[in-house]
PDB file of N, CA and C in Angstrom:
ATOM      1  N   UNK A   1     -15.008  22.233   9.328  1.00  0.00           N
ATOM      2  CA  UNK A   1     -15.174  23.502   8.667  1.00  0.00           C
ATOM      3  C   UNK A   1     -15.815  23.267   7.309  1.00  0.00           C
ATOM      4  N   UNK A   2     -16.717  24.138   6.955  1.00  0.00           N
ATOM      5  CA  UNK A   2     -17.418  23.973   5.688  1.00  0.00           C
ATOM      6  C   UNK A   2     -16.513  24.340   4.526  1.00  0.00           C
ATOM      7  N   UNK A   3     -16.761  23.695   3.416  1.00  0.00           N
ATOM      8  CA  UNK A   3     -15.988  23.960   2.205  1.00  0.00           C
ATOM      9  C   UNK A   3     -16.576  25.184   1.514  1.00  0.00           C
ATOM     10  N   UNK A   4     -15.711  26.131   1.212  1.00  0.00           N
ATOM     11  CA  UNK A   4     -16.170  27.361   0.567  1.00  0.00           C
ATOM     12  C   UNK A   4     -16.011  27.245  -0.946  1.00  0.00           C
ATOM     13  N   UNK A   5     -16.975  27.749  -1.674  1.00  0.00           N
ATOM     14  CA  UNK A   5     -16.927  27.777  -3.132  1.00  0.00           C
ATOM     15  C   UNK A   5     -15.824  28.745  -3.558  1.00  0.00           C
ATOM     16  N   UNK A   6     -14.771  28.261  -4.249  1.00  0.00           N
ATOM     17  CA  UNK A   6     -13.651  29.129  -4.629  1.00  0.00           C
ATOM     18  C   UNK A   6     -14.047  30.245  -5.605  1.00  0.00           C
ATOM     19  N   UNK A   7     -15.224  30.155  -6.207  1.00  0.00           N
ATOM     20  CA  UNK A   7     -15.651  31.203  -7.126  1.00  0.00           C
ATOM     21  C   UNK A   7     -16.281  32.381  -6.387  1.00  0.00           C
ATOM     22  N   UNK A   8     -16.584  32.200  -5.097  1.00  0.00           N
ATOM     23  CA  UNK A   8     -17.185  33.273  -4.313  1.00  0.00           C
ATOM     24  C   UNK A   8     -16.114  34.259  -3.865  1.00  0.00           C
ATOM     25  N   UNK A   9     -16.502  35.503  -3.758  1.00  0.00           N
ATOM     26  CA  UNK A   9     -15.586  36.540  -3.287  1.00  0.00           C
ATOM     27  C   UNK A   9     -15.378  36.381  -1.784  1.00  0.00           C
ATOM     28  N   UNK A  10     -14.140  36.556  -1.340  1.00  0.00           N
ATOM     29  CA  UNK A  10     -13.833  36.459   0.088  1.00  0.00           C
ATOM     30  C   UNK A  10     -14.515  37.599   0.833  1.00  0.00           C
ATOM     31  N   UNK A  11     -15.057  37.271   1.995  1.00  0.00           N
ATOM     32  CA  UNK A  11     -15.715  38.271   2.843  1.00  0.00           C
ATOM     33  C   UNK A  11     -15.419  37.913   4.296  1.00  0.00           C
ATOM     34  N   UNK A  12     -14.457  38.616   4.895  1.00  0.00           N
ATOM     35  CA  UNK A  12     -14.014  38.316   6.246  1.00  0.00           C
ATOM     36  C   UNK A  12     -15.137  38.462   7.275  1.00  0.00           C
ATOM     37  N   UNK A  13     -16.185  39.201   6.936  1.00  0.00           N
ATOM     38  CA  UNK A  13     -17.302  39.379   7.860  1.00  0.00           C
ATOM     39  C   UNK A  13     -18.290  38.213   7.830  1.00  0.00           C
ATOM     40  N   UNK A  14     -18.163  37.350   6.821  1.00  0.00           N
ATOM     41  CA  UNK A  14     -19.035  36.182   6.724  1.00  0.00           C
ATOM     42  C   UNK A  14     -18.483  35.055   7.598  1.00  0.00           C
ATOM     43  N   UNK A  15     -19.319  34.483   8.422  1.00  0.00           N
ATOM     44  CA  UNK A  15     -18.909  33.475   9.389  1.00  0.00           C
ATOM     45  C   UNK A  15     -18.131  32.315   8.757  1.00  0.00           C
ATOM     46  N   UNK A  16     -18.559  31.823   7.625  1.00  0.00           N
ATOM     47  CA  UNK A  16     -17.935  30.645   7.028  1.00  0.00           C
ATOM     48  C   UNK A  16     -16.796  30.932   6.072  1.00  0.00           C
ATOM     49  N   UNK A  17     -16.422  32.182   5.915  1.00  0.00           N
ATOM     50  CA  UNK A  17     -15.373  32.529   4.946  1.00  0.00           C
ATOM     51  C   UNK A  17     -13.988  32.164   5.503  1.00  0.00           C
ATOM     52  N   UNK A  18     -13.194  31.489   4.687  1.00  0.00           N
ATOM     53  CA  UNK A  18     -11.859  31.065   5.093  1.00  0.00           C
ATOM     54  C   UNK A  18     -10.924  32.245   5.338  1.00  0.00           C
ATOM     55  N   UNK A  19     -11.256  33.399   4.777  1.00  0.00           N
ATOM     56  CA  UNK A  19     -10.393  34.559   4.997  1.00  0.00           C
ATOM     57  C   UNK A  19     -10.388  34.964   6.465  1.00  0.00           C
ATOM     58  N   UNK A  20     -11.472  34.711   7.165  1.00  0.00           N
ATOM     59  CA  UNK A  20     -11.539  35.054   8.597  1.00  0.00           C
ATOM     60  C   UNK A  20     -10.514  34.240   9.384  1.00  0.00           C
ATOM     61  N   UNK A  21     -10.433  32.956   9.102  1.00  0.00           N
ATOM     62  CA  UNK A  21      -9.470  32.096   9.797  1.00  0.00           C
ATOM     63  C   UNK A  21      -8.040  32.511   9.470  1.00  0.00           C
ATOM     64  N   UNK A  22      -7.776  32.800   8.204  1.00  0.00           N
ATOM     65  CA  UNK A  22      -6.428  33.235   7.810  1.00  0.00           C
ATOM     66  C   UNK A  22      -6.063  34.551   8.489  1.00  0.00           C
ATOM     67  N   UNK A  23      -7.019  35.472   8.567  1.00  0.00           N
ATOM     68  CA  UNK A  23      -6.774  36.750   9.235  1.00  0.00           C
ATOM     69  C   UNK A  23      -6.501  36.531  10.720  1.00  0.00           C
ATOM     70  N   UNK A  24      -7.241  35.645  11.347  1.00  0.00           N
ATOM     71  CA  UNK A  24      -7.000  35.330  12.758  1.00  0.00           C
ATOM     72  C   UNK A  24      -5.600  34.759  12.962  1.00  0.00           C
ATOM     73  N   UNK A  25      -5.157  33.917  12.053  1.00  0.00           N
ATOM     74  CA  UNK A  25      -3.822  33.330  12.168  1.00  0.00           C
ATOM     75  C   UNK A  25      -2.736  34.396  12.041  1.00  0.00           C
ATOM     76  N   UNK A  26      -2.913  35.294  11.111  1.00  0.00           N
ATOM     77  CA  UNK A  26      -1.933  36.357  10.870  1.00  0.00           C
ATOM     78  C   UNK A  26      -1.889  37.338  12.038  1.00  0.00           C
ATOM     79  N   UNK A  27      -3.051  37.680  12.581  1.00  0.00           N
ATOM     80  CA  UNK A  27      -3.119  38.718  13.606  1.00  0.00           C
ATOM     81  C   UNK A  27      -3.174  38.161  15.027  1.00  0.00           C
ATOM     82  N   UNK A  28      -2.909  36.875  15.170  1.00  0.00           N
ATOM     83  CA  UNK A  28      -2.863  36.309  16.519  1.00  0.00           C
ATOM     84  C   UNK A  28      -1.696  36.924  17.281  1.00  0.00           C
ATOM     85  N   UNK A  29      -1.723  36.744  18.580  1.00  0.00           N
ATOM     86  CA  UNK A  29      -0.687  37.320  19.435  1.00  0.00           C
ATOM     87  C   UNK A  29       0.719  37.014  18.924  1.00  0.00           C
ATOM     88  N   UNK A  30       0.960  35.771  18.561  1.00  0.00           N
ATOM     89  CA  UNK A  30       2.304  35.372  18.131  1.00  0.00           C
ATOM     90  C   UNK A  30       2.461  35.419  16.619  1.00  0.00           C
ATOM     91  N   UNK A  31       1.382  35.302  15.880  1.00  0.00           N
ATOM     92  CA  UNK A  31       1.470  35.349  14.423  1.00  0.00           C
ATOM     93  C   UNK A  31       2.003  36.677  13.924  1.00  0.00           C
ATOM     94  N   UNK A  32       1.462  37.773  14.436  1.00  0.00           N
ATOM     95  CA  UNK A  32       1.889  39.095  13.986  1.00  0.00           C
ATOM     96  C   UNK A  32       3.360  39.332  14.331  1.00  0.00           C
ATOM     97  N   UNK A  33       3.788  38.867  15.512  1.00  0.00           N
ATOM     98  CA  UNK A  33       5.180  39.079  15.909  1.00  0.00           C
ATOM     99  C   UNK A  33       6.133  38.190  15.115  1.00  0.00           C
ATOM    100  N   UNK A  34       5.737  36.962  14.835  1.00  0.00           N
ATOM    101  CA  UNK A  34       6.584  36.066  14.034  1.00  0.00           C
ATOM    102  C   UNK A  34       6.746  36.607  12.617  1.00  0.00           C
ATOM    103  N   UNK A  35       5.657  37.057  12.013  1.00  0.00           N
ATOM    104  CA  UNK A  35       5.736  37.600  10.657  1.00  0.00           C
ATOM    105  C   UNK A  35       6.569  38.876  10.626  1.00  0.00           C
ATOM    106  N   UNK A  36       6.391  39.742  11.619  1.00  0.00           N
ATOM    107  CA  UNK A  36       7.175  40.978  11.666  1.00  0.00           C
ATOM    108  C   UNK A  36       8.656  40.669  11.842  1.00  0.00           C
ATOM    109  N   UNK A  37       8.981  39.711  12.686  1.00  0.00           N
ATOM    110  CA  UNK A  37      10.383  39.329  12.878  1.00  0.00           C
ATOM    111  C   UNK A  37      10.965  38.754  11.591  1.00  0.00           C
ATOM    112  N   UNK A  38      10.207  37.897  10.924  1.00  0.00           N
ATOM    113  CA  UNK A  38      10.696  37.297   9.680  1.00  0.00           C
ATOM    114  C   UNK A  38      10.830  38.328   8.564  1.00  0.00           C
ATOM    115  N   UNK A  39      10.166  39.476   8.699  1.00  0.00           N
ATOM    116  CA  UNK A  39      10.343  40.530   7.688  1.00  0.00           C
ATOM    117  C   UNK A  39      11.754  41.109   7.755  1.00  0.00           C
ATOM    118  N   UNK A  40      12.445  40.895   8.887  1.00  0.00           N
ATOM    119  CA  UNK A  40      13.825  41.350   9.053  1.00  0.00           C
ATOM    120  C   UNK A  40      14.813  40.421   8.347  1.00  0.00           C
ATOM    121  N   UNK A  41      14.391  39.203   8.052  1.00  0.00           N
ATOM    122  CA  UNK A  41      15.257  38.223   7.408  1.00  0.00           C
ATOM    123  C   UNK A  41      14.912  36.825   7.872  1.00  0.00           C
ATOM    124  N   UNK A  42      15.627  35.848   7.323  1.00  0.00           N
ATOM    125  CA  UNK A  42      15.398  34.455   7.669  1.00  0.00           C
ATOM    126  C   UNK A  42      15.903  34.188   9.085  1.00  0.00           C
ATOM    127  N   UNK A  43      15.224  33.284   9.773  1.00  0.00           N
ATOM    128  CA  UNK A  43      15.599  32.924  11.142  1.00  0.00           C
ATOM    129  C   UNK A  43      15.565  31.423  11.318  1.00  0.00           C
ATOM    130  N   UNK A  44      16.511  30.925  12.107  1.00  0.00           N
ATOM    131  CA  UNK A  44      16.384  29.569  12.599  1.00  0.00           C
ATOM    132  C   UNK A  44      15.462  29.633  13.808  1.00  0.00           C
ATOM    133  N   UNK A  45      14.905  28.485  14.174  1.00  0.00           N
ATOM    134  CA  UNK A  45      13.843  28.450  15.181  1.00  0.00           C
ATOM    135  C   UNK A  45      14.239  29.145  16.484  1.00  0.00           C
ATOM    136  N   UNK A  46      15.377  28.759  17.075  1.00  0.00           N
ATOM    137  CA  UNK A  46      15.752  29.311  18.372  1.00  0.00           C
ATOM    138  C   UNK A  46      16.058  30.802  18.295  1.00  0.00           C
ATOM    139  N   UNK A  47      16.625  31.252  17.197  1.00  0.00           N
ATOM    140  CA  UNK A  47      16.886  32.687  17.028  1.00  0.00           C
ATOM    141  C   UNK A  47      15.564  33.448  16.927  1.00  0.00           C
ATOM    142  N   UNK A  48      14.603  32.873  16.230  1.00  0.00           N
ATOM    143  CA  UNK A  48      13.286  33.504  16.116  1.00  0.00           C
ATOM    144  C   UNK A  48      12.597  33.524  17.475  1.00  0.00           C
ATOM    145  N   UNK A  49      12.760  32.476  18.226  1.00  0.00           N
ATOM    146  CA  UNK A  49      12.165  32.428  19.568  1.00  0.00           C
ATOM    147  C   UNK A  49      12.773  33.493  20.474  1.00  0.00           C
ATOM    148  N   UNK A  50      14.071  33.722  20.344  1.00  0.00           N
ATOM    149  CA  UNK A  50      14.701  34.790  21.129  1.00  0.00           C
ATOM    150  C   UNK A  50      14.218  36.162  20.669  1.00  0.00           C
ATOM    151  N   UNK A  51      14.006  36.319  19.364  1.00  0.00           N
ATOM    152  CA  UNK A  51      13.548  37.602  18.822  1.00  0.00           C
ATOM    153  C   UNK A  51      12.125  37.917  19.287  1.00  0.00           C
ATOM    154  N   UNK A  52      11.271  36.908  19.306  1.00  0.00           N
ATOM    155  CA  UNK A  52       9.881  37.072  19.748  1.00  0.00           C
ATOM    156  C   UNK A  52       9.851  36.743  21.244  1.00  0.00           C
ATOM    157  N   UNK A  53      10.354  37.660  22.014  1.00  0.00           N
ATOM    158  CA  UNK A  53      10.530  37.464  23.451  1.00  0.00           C
ATOM    159  C   UNK A  53       9.209  37.099  24.123  1.00  0.00           C
ATOM    160  N   UNK A  54       9.244  36.024  24.915  1.00  0.00           N
ATOM    161  CA  UNK A  54       8.071  35.630  25.686  1.00  0.00           C
ATOM    162  C   UNK A  54       7.275  34.476  25.102  1.00  0.00           C
ATOM    163  N   UNK A  55       7.514  34.122  23.842  1.00  0.00           N
ATOM    164  CA  UNK A  55       6.763  33.017  23.243  1.00  0.00           C
ATOM    165  C   UNK A  55       7.394  31.695  23.680  1.00  0.00           C
ATOM    166  N   UNK A  56       6.553  30.727  23.994  1.00  0.00           N
ATOM    167  CA  UNK A  56       7.065  29.406  24.348  1.00  0.00           C
ATOM    168  C   UNK A  56       7.448  28.659  23.072  1.00  0.00           C
ATOM    169  N   UNK A  57       8.271  27.650  23.248  1.00  0.00           N
ATOM    170  CA  UNK A  57       8.686  26.825  22.114  1.00  0.00           C
ATOM    171  C   UNK A  57       7.465  26.202  21.441  1.00  0.00           C
ATOM    172  N   UNK A  58       6.550  25.705  22.252  1.00  0.00           N
ATOM    173  CA  UNK A  58       5.340  25.054  21.728  1.00  0.00           C
ATOM    174  C   UNK A  58       4.475  26.032  20.931  1.00  0.00           C
ATOM    175  N   UNK A  59       4.250  27.225  21.486  1.00  0.00           N
ATOM    176  CA  UNK A  59       3.397  28.207  20.801  1.00  0.00           C
ATOM    177  C   UNK A  59       4.042  28.698  19.505  1.00  0.00           C
ATOM    178  N   UNK A  60       5.346  28.922  19.524  1.00  0.00           N
ATOM    179  CA  UNK A  60       6.012  29.362  18.304  1.00  0.00           C
ATOM    180  C   UNK A  60       5.942  28.270  17.251  1.00  0.00           C
ATOM    181  N   UNK A  61       6.148  27.038  17.654  1.00  0.00           N
ATOM    182  CA  UNK A  61       6.064  25.924  16.710  1.00  0.00           C
ATOM    183  C   UNK A  61       4.672  25.833  16.089  1.00  0.00           C
ATOM    184  N   UNK A  62       3.638  25.920  16.912  1.00  0.00           N
ATOM    185  CA  UNK A  62       2.267  25.871  16.402  1.00  0.00           C
ATOM    186  C   UNK A  62       1.977  27.055  15.477  1.00  0.00           C
ATOM    187  N   UNK A  63       2.430  28.230  15.868  1.00  0.00           N
ATOM    188  CA  UNK A  63       2.198  29.431  15.063  1.00  0.00           C
ATOM    189  C   UNK A  63       2.867  29.304  13.707  1.00  0.00           C
ATOM    190  N   UNK A  64       4.112  28.851  13.689  1.00  0.00           N
ATOM    191  CA  UNK A  64       4.832  28.704  12.427  1.00  0.00           C
ATOM    192  C   UNK A  64       4.186  27.640  11.541  1.00  0.00           C
ATOM    193  N   UNK A  65       3.716  26.544  12.131  1.00  0.00           N
ATOM    194  CA  UNK A  65       3.035  25.509  11.350  1.00  0.00           C
ATOM    195  C   UNK A  65       1.769  26.074  10.714  1.00  0.00           C
ATOM    196  N   UNK A  66       1.027  26.858  11.463  1.00  0.00           N
ATOM    197  CA  UNK A  66      -0.207  27.456  10.950  1.00  0.00           C
ATOM    198  C   UNK A  66       0.096  28.440   9.828  1.00  0.00           C
ATOM    199  N   UNK A  67       1.098  29.282  10.031  1.00  0.00           N
ATOM    200  CA  UNK A  67       1.462  30.267   9.004  1.00  0.00           C
ATOM    201  C   UNK A  67       2.032  29.587   7.756  1.00  0.00           C
ATOM    202  N   UNK A  68       2.728  28.477   7.955  1.00  0.00           N
ATOM    203  CA  UNK A  68       3.229  27.705   6.813  1.00  0.00           C
ATOM    204  C   UNK A  68       2.054  27.094   6.047  1.00  0.00           C
ATOM    205  N   UNK A  69       1.098  26.546   6.766  1.00  0.00           N
ATOM    206  CA  UNK A  69      -0.086  25.935   6.144  1.00  0.00           C
ATOM    207  C   UNK A  69      -0.859  26.951   5.312  1.00  0.00           C
ATOM    208  N   UNK A  70      -0.924  28.195   5.816  1.00  0.00           N
ATOM    209  CA  UNK A  70      -1.652  29.254   5.111  1.00  0.00           C
ATOM    210  C   UNK A  70      -0.847  29.882   3.975  1.00  0.00           C
ATOM    211  N   UNK A  71       0.417  29.485   3.836  1.00  0.00           N
ATOM    212  CA  UNK A  71       1.227  29.983   2.726  1.00  0.00           C
ATOM    213  C   UNK A  71       1.973  31.276   2.994  1.00  0.00           C
ATOM    214  N   UNK A  72       2.115  31.651   4.264  1.00  0.00           N
ATOM    215  CA  UNK A  72       2.820  32.887   4.605  1.00  0.00           C
ATOM    216  C   UNK A  72       4.292  32.647   4.936  1.00  0.00           C
ATOM    217  N   UNK A  73       4.605  31.448   5.425  1.00  0.00           N
ATOM    218  CA  UNK A  73       5.946  31.121   5.898  1.00  0.00           C
ATOM    219  C   UNK A  73       6.449  29.883   5.170  1.00  0.00           C
ATOM    220  N   UNK A  74       7.743  29.901   4.876  1.00  0.00           N
ATOM    221  CA  UNK A  74       8.405  28.763   4.249  1.00  0.00           C
ATOM    222  C   UNK A  74       9.361  28.145   5.268  1.00  0.00           C
ATOM    223  N   UNK A  75       9.265  26.839   5.449  1.00  0.00           N
ATOM    224  CA  UNK A  75      10.150  26.096   6.356  1.00  0.00           C
ATOM    225  C   UNK A  75      11.143  25.329   5.499  1.00  0.00           C
ATOM    226  N   UNK A  76      12.431  25.580   5.718  1.00  0.00           N
ATOM    227  CA  UNK A  76      13.473  24.928   4.935  1.00  0.00           C
ATOM    228  C   UNK A  76      14.375  24.138   5.870  1.00  0.00           C
ATOM    229  N   UNK A  77      14.538  22.844   5.589  1.00  0.00           N
ATOM    230  CA  UNK A  77      15.448  22.009   6.363  1.00  0.00           C
ATOM    231  C   UNK A  77      16.818  22.104   5.713  1.00  0.00           C
ATOM    232  N   UNK A  78      17.790  22.592   6.495  1.00  0.00           N
ATOM    233  CA  UNK A  78      19.156  22.749   5.996  1.00  0.00           C
ATOM    234  C   UNK A  78      19.914  21.446   6.201  1.00  0.00           C
ATOM    235  N   UNK A  79      20.660  21.058   5.183  1.00  0.00           N
ATOM    236  CA  UNK A  79      21.423  19.812   5.277  1.00  0.00           C
ATOM    237  C   UNK A  79      22.663  20.059   6.113  1.00  0.00           C
ATOM    238  N   UNK A  80      22.602  19.595   7.336  1.00  0.00           N
ATOM    239  CA  UNK A  80      23.726  19.704   8.254  1.00  0.00           C
ATOM    240  C   UNK A  80      23.553  18.641   9.312  1.00  0.00           C
ATOM    241  N   UNK A  81      24.572  18.486  10.130  1.00  0.00           N
ATOM    242  CA  UNK A  81      24.485  17.525  11.224  1.00  0.00           C
ATOM    243  C   UNK A  81      24.704  18.314  12.507  1.00  0.00           C
ATOM    244  N   UNK A  82      23.740  18.386  13.382  1.00  0.00           N
ATOM    245  CA  UNK A  82      22.373  17.896  13.220  1.00  0.00           C
ATOM    246  C   UNK A  82      21.599  18.763  12.226  1.00  0.00           C
ATOM    247  N   UNK A  83      20.504  18.247  11.682  1.00  0.00           N
ATOM    248  CA  UNK A  83      19.720  19.043  10.728  1.00  0.00           C
ATOM    249  C   UNK A  83      19.210  20.323  11.388  1.00  0.00           C
ATOM    250  N   UNK A  84      19.205  21.389  10.624  1.00  0.00           N
ATOM    251  CA  UNK A  84      18.713  22.671  11.117  1.00  0.00           C
ATOM    252  C   UNK A  84      17.572  23.132  10.232  1.00  0.00           C
ATOM    253  N   UNK A  85      16.671  23.884  10.827  1.00  0.00           N
ATOM    254  CA  UNK A  85      15.502  24.383  10.113  1.00  0.00           C
ATOM    255  C   UNK A  85      15.555  25.903  10.105  1.00  0.00           C
ATOM    256  N   UNK A  86      15.231  26.465   8.952  1.00  0.00           N
ATOM    257  CA  UNK A  86      15.211  27.920   8.810  1.00  0.00           C
ATOM    258  C   UNK A  86      13.833  28.338   8.301  1.00  0.00           C
ATOM    259  N   UNK A  87      13.366  29.457   8.796  1.00  0.00           N
ATOM    260  CA  UNK A  87      12.059  29.983   8.410  1.00  0.00           C
ATOM    261  C   UNK A  87      12.242  31.293   7.669  1.00  0.00           C
ATOM    262  N   UNK A  88      11.427  31.467   6.638  1.00  0.00           N
ATOM    263  CA  UNK A  88      11.450  32.694   5.849  1.00  0.00           C
ATOM    264  C   UNK A  88      10.026  32.994   5.387  1.00  0.00           C
ATOM    265  N   UNK A  89       9.853  34.175   4.837  1.00  0.00           N
ATOM    266  CA  UNK A  89       8.540  34.571   4.330  1.00  0.00           C
ATOM    267  C   UNK A  89       8.401  34.174   2.875  1.00  0.00           C
ATOM    268  N   UNK A  90       7.222  33.747   2.495  1.00  0.00           N
ATOM    269  CA  UNK A  90       6.888  33.555   1.085  1.00  0.00           C
ATOM    270  C   UNK A  90       6.588  34.944   0.508  1.00  0.00           C
ATOM    271  N   UNK A  91       6.437  35.074  -0.799  1.00  0.00           N
ATOM    272  CA  UNK A  91       6.042  36.382  -1.343  1.00  0.00           C
ATOM    273  C   UNK A  91       4.738  36.906  -0.716  1.00  0.00           C
ATOM    274  N   UNK A  92       3.770  36.023  -0.512  1.00  0.00           N
ATOM    275  CA  UNK A  92       2.532  36.431   0.149  1.00  0.00           C
ATOM    276  C   UNK A  92       2.812  36.864   1.584  1.00  0.00           C
ATOM    277  N   UNK A  93       3.630  36.100   2.287  1.00  0.00           N
ATOM    278  CA  UNK A  93       3.999  36.441   3.655  1.00  0.00           C
ATOM    279  C   UNK A  93       4.717  37.772   3.741  1.00  0.00           C
ATOM    280  N   UNK A  94       5.566  38.062   2.773  1.00  0.00           N
ATOM    281  CA  UNK A  94       6.287  39.339   2.725  1.00  0.00           C
ATOM    282  C   UNK A  94       5.288  40.487   2.578  1.00  0.00           C
ATOM    283  N   UNK A  95       4.335  40.328   1.694  1.00  0.00           N
ATOM    284  CA  UNK A  95       3.327  41.364   1.473  1.00  0.00           C
ATOM    285  C   UNK A  95       2.519  41.627   2.737  1.00  0.00           C
ATOM    286  N   UNK A  96       2.105  40.562   3.415  1.00  0.00           N
ATOM    287  CA  UNK A  96       1.338  40.697   4.655  1.00  0.00           C
ATOM    288  C   UNK A  96       2.214  41.300   5.753  1.00  0.00           C
ATOM    289  N   UNK A  97       3.433  40.807   5.888  1.00  0.00           N
ATOM    290  CA  UNK A  97       4.334  41.292   6.940  1.00  0.00           C
ATOM    291  C   UNK A  97       4.636  42.778   6.779  1.00  0.00           C
ATOM    292  N   UNK A  98       4.796  43.239   5.544  1.00  0.00           N
ATOM    293  CA  UNK A  98       5.062  44.664   5.319  1.00  0.00           C
ATOM    294  C   UNK A  98       3.927  45.520   5.877  1.00  0.00           C
ATOM    295  N   UNK A  99       2.713  45.080   5.701  1.00  0.00           N
ATOM    296  CA  UNK A  99       1.564  45.825   6.223  1.00  0.00           C
ATOM    297  C   UNK A  99       1.495  45.744   7.748  1.00  0.00           C
ATOM    298  N   UNK A 100       1.823  44.577   8.288  1.00  0.00           N
ATOM    299  CA  UNK A 100       1.820  44.422   9.741  1.00  0.00           C
ATOM    300  C   UNK A 100       2.896  45.293  10.386  1.00  0.00           C
ATOM    301  N   UNK A 101       4.053  45.357   9.769  1.00  0.00           N
ATOM    302  CA  UNK A 101       5.135  46.203  10.296  1.00  0.00           C
ATOM    303  C   UNK A 101       4.699  47.664  10.287  1.00  0.00           C
ATOM    304  N   UNK A 102       3.981  48.078   9.243  1.00  0.00           N
ATOM    305  CA  UNK A 102       3.447  49.438   9.211  1.00  0.00           C
ATOM    306  C   UNK A 102       2.492  49.694  10.360  1.00  0.00           C
ATOM    307  N   UNK A 103       1.647  48.728  10.668  1.00  0.00           N
ATOM    308  CA  UNK A 103       0.713  48.841  11.787  1.00  0.00           C
ATOM    309  C   UNK A 103       1.471  48.905  13.116  1.00  0.00           C
ATOM    310  N   UNK A 104       2.476  48.061  13.268  1.00  0.00           N
ATOM    311  CA  UNK A 104       3.292  48.060  14.486  1.00  0.00           C
ATOM    312  C   UNK A 104       3.966  49.416  14.667  1.00  0.00           C
ATOM    313  N   UNK A 105       4.541  49.949  13.592  1.00  0.00           N
ATOM    314  CA  UNK A 105       5.212  51.254  13.668  1.00  0.00           C
ATOM    315  C   UNK A 105       4.231  52.362  14.021  1.00  0.00           C
ATOM    316  N   UNK A 106       3.017  52.293  13.483  1.00  0.00           N
ATOM    317  CA  UNK A 106       1.989  53.291  13.796  1.00  0.00           C
ATOM    318  C   UNK A 106       1.630  53.245  15.282  1.00  0.00           C
ATOM    319  N   UNK A 107       1.433  52.045  15.810  1.00  0.00           N
ATOM    320  CA  UNK A 107       1.092  51.902  17.226  1.00  0.00           C
ATOM    321  C   UNK A 107       2.257  52.366  18.100  1.00  0.00           C
ATOM    322  N   UNK A 108       3.466  51.932  17.780  1.00  0.00           N
ATOM    323  CA  UNK A 108       4.631  52.316  18.578  1.00  0.00           C
ATOM    324  C   UNK A 108       4.856  53.828  18.574  1.00  0.00           C
ATOM    325  N   UNK A 109       4.672  54.465  17.423  1.00  0.00           N
ATOM    326  CA  UNK A 109       4.916  55.913  17.341  1.00  0.00           C
ATOM    327  C   UNK A 109       3.834  56.716  18.055  1.00  0.00           C
ATOM    328  N   UNK A 110       2.700  56.111  18.308  1.00  0.00           N
ATOM    329  CA  UNK A 110       1.608  56.785  19.018  1.00  0.00           C
ATOM    330  C   UNK A 110       1.433  56.267  20.440  1.00  0.00           C
ATOM    331  N   UNK A 111       2.417  55.562  20.955  1.00  0.00           N
ATOM    332  CA  UNK A 111       2.307  54.991  22.291  1.00  0.00           C
ATOM    333  C   UNK A 111       2.072  56.047  23.368  1.00  0.00           C
ATOM    334  N   UNK A 112       2.715  57.223  23.326  1.00  0.00           N
ATOM    335  CA  UNK A 112       2.410  58.227  24.352  1.00  0.00           C
ATOM    336  C   UNK A 112       0.914  58.593  24.383  1.00  0.00           C
ATOM    337  N   UNK A 113       0.287  58.723  23.225  1.00  0.00           N
ATOM    338  CA  UNK A 113      -1.142  59.043  23.183  1.00  0.00           C
ATOM    339  C   UNK A 113      -1.974  57.890  23.752  1.00  0.00           C
ATOM    340  N   UNK A 114      -1.561  56.665  23.477  1.00  0.00           N
ATOM    341  CA  UNK A 114      -2.258  55.493  24.016  1.00  0.00           C
ATOM    342  C   UNK A 114      -2.151  55.475  25.539  1.00  0.00           C
ATOM    343  N   UNK A 115      -0.952  55.712  26.047  1.00  0.00           N
ATOM    344  CA  UNK A 115      -0.757  55.703  27.499  1.00  0.00           C
ATOM    345  C   UNK A 115      -1.534  56.829  28.167  1.00  0.00           C
ATOM    346  N   UNK A 116      -1.594  58.008  27.531  1.00  0.00           N
ATOM    347  CA  UNK A 116      -2.407  59.119  28.062  1.00  0.00           C
ATOM    348  C   UNK A 116      -3.879  58.733  28.091  1.00  0.00           C
ATOM    349  N   UNK A 117      -4.362  58.126  27.011  1.00  0.00           N
ATOM    350  CA  UNK A 117      -5.765  57.722  26.940  1.00  0.00           C
ATOM    351  C   UNK A 117      -6.082  56.698  28.036  1.00  0.00           C
ATOM    352  N   UNK A 118      -5.179  55.773  28.259  1.00  0.00           N
ATOM    353  CA  UNK A 118      -5.374  54.779  29.330  1.00  0.00           C
ATOM    354  C   UNK A 118      -5.467  55.464  30.684  1.00  0.00           C
ATOM    355  N   UNK A 119      -4.538  56.385  30.923  1.00  0.00           N
ATOM    356  CA  UNK A 119      -4.510  57.084  32.211  1.00  0.00           C
ATOM    357  C   UNK A 119      -5.805  57.863  32.427  1.00  0.00           C
ATOM    358  N   UNK A 120      -6.287  58.535  31.393  1.00  0.00           N
ATOM    359  CA  UNK A 120      -7.532  59.299  31.500  1.00  0.00           C
ATOM    360  C   UNK A 120      -8.722  58.358  31.752  1.00  0.00           C
ATOM    361  N   UNK A 121      -8.752  57.256  31.046  1.00  0.00           N
ATOM    362  CA  UNK A 121      -9.842  56.286  31.213  1.00  0.00           C
ATOM    363  C   UNK A 121      -9.832  55.704  32.612  1.00  0.00           C
ATOM    364  N   UNK A 122      -8.649  55.319  33.085  1.00  0.00           N
ATOM    365  CA  UNK A 122      -8.535  54.681  34.398  1.00  0.00           C
ATOM    366  C   UNK A 122      -8.825  55.663  35.536  1.00  0.00           C
ATOM    367  N   UNK A 123      -8.664  56.970  35.287  1.00  0.00           N
ATOM    368  CA  UNK A 123      -8.912  57.980  36.321  1.00  0.00           C
ATOM    369  C   UNK A 123     -10.410  58.194  36.558  1.00  0.00           C
ATOM    370  N   UNK A 124     -11.216  57.799  35.588  1.00  0.00           N
ATOM    371  CA  UNK A 124     -12.681  58.005  35.720  1.00  0.00           C
ATOM    372  C   UNK A 124     -13.327  57.015  36.644  1.00  0.00           C
TER     373      UNK A 124
END
């Protein structure tokens, strides 16, 4: 990946802009659900996996590593035997998750209209 000049303004529409990759990570199938779940509070890995129904252990692990790398998620190793890991949102992650939750609520509240539109489209 090319190195972007930090003095340049971010432009998600530009092919080489790092904001595009970060946006893809946040809005990926599992990224959006992990961030939305973490907006409810801190989770240990297996509890988060149960909350994000359908995600494999491998995919959730990769998603959390990516979100941690981008500064959205904080991974904390708890001192216990055996060691336990807890995930939480960073301040940046909280800000992003709040917006994602708003988007999720908008889609969920308009689901009847979406289903009607699908039915009309499929009938043609």
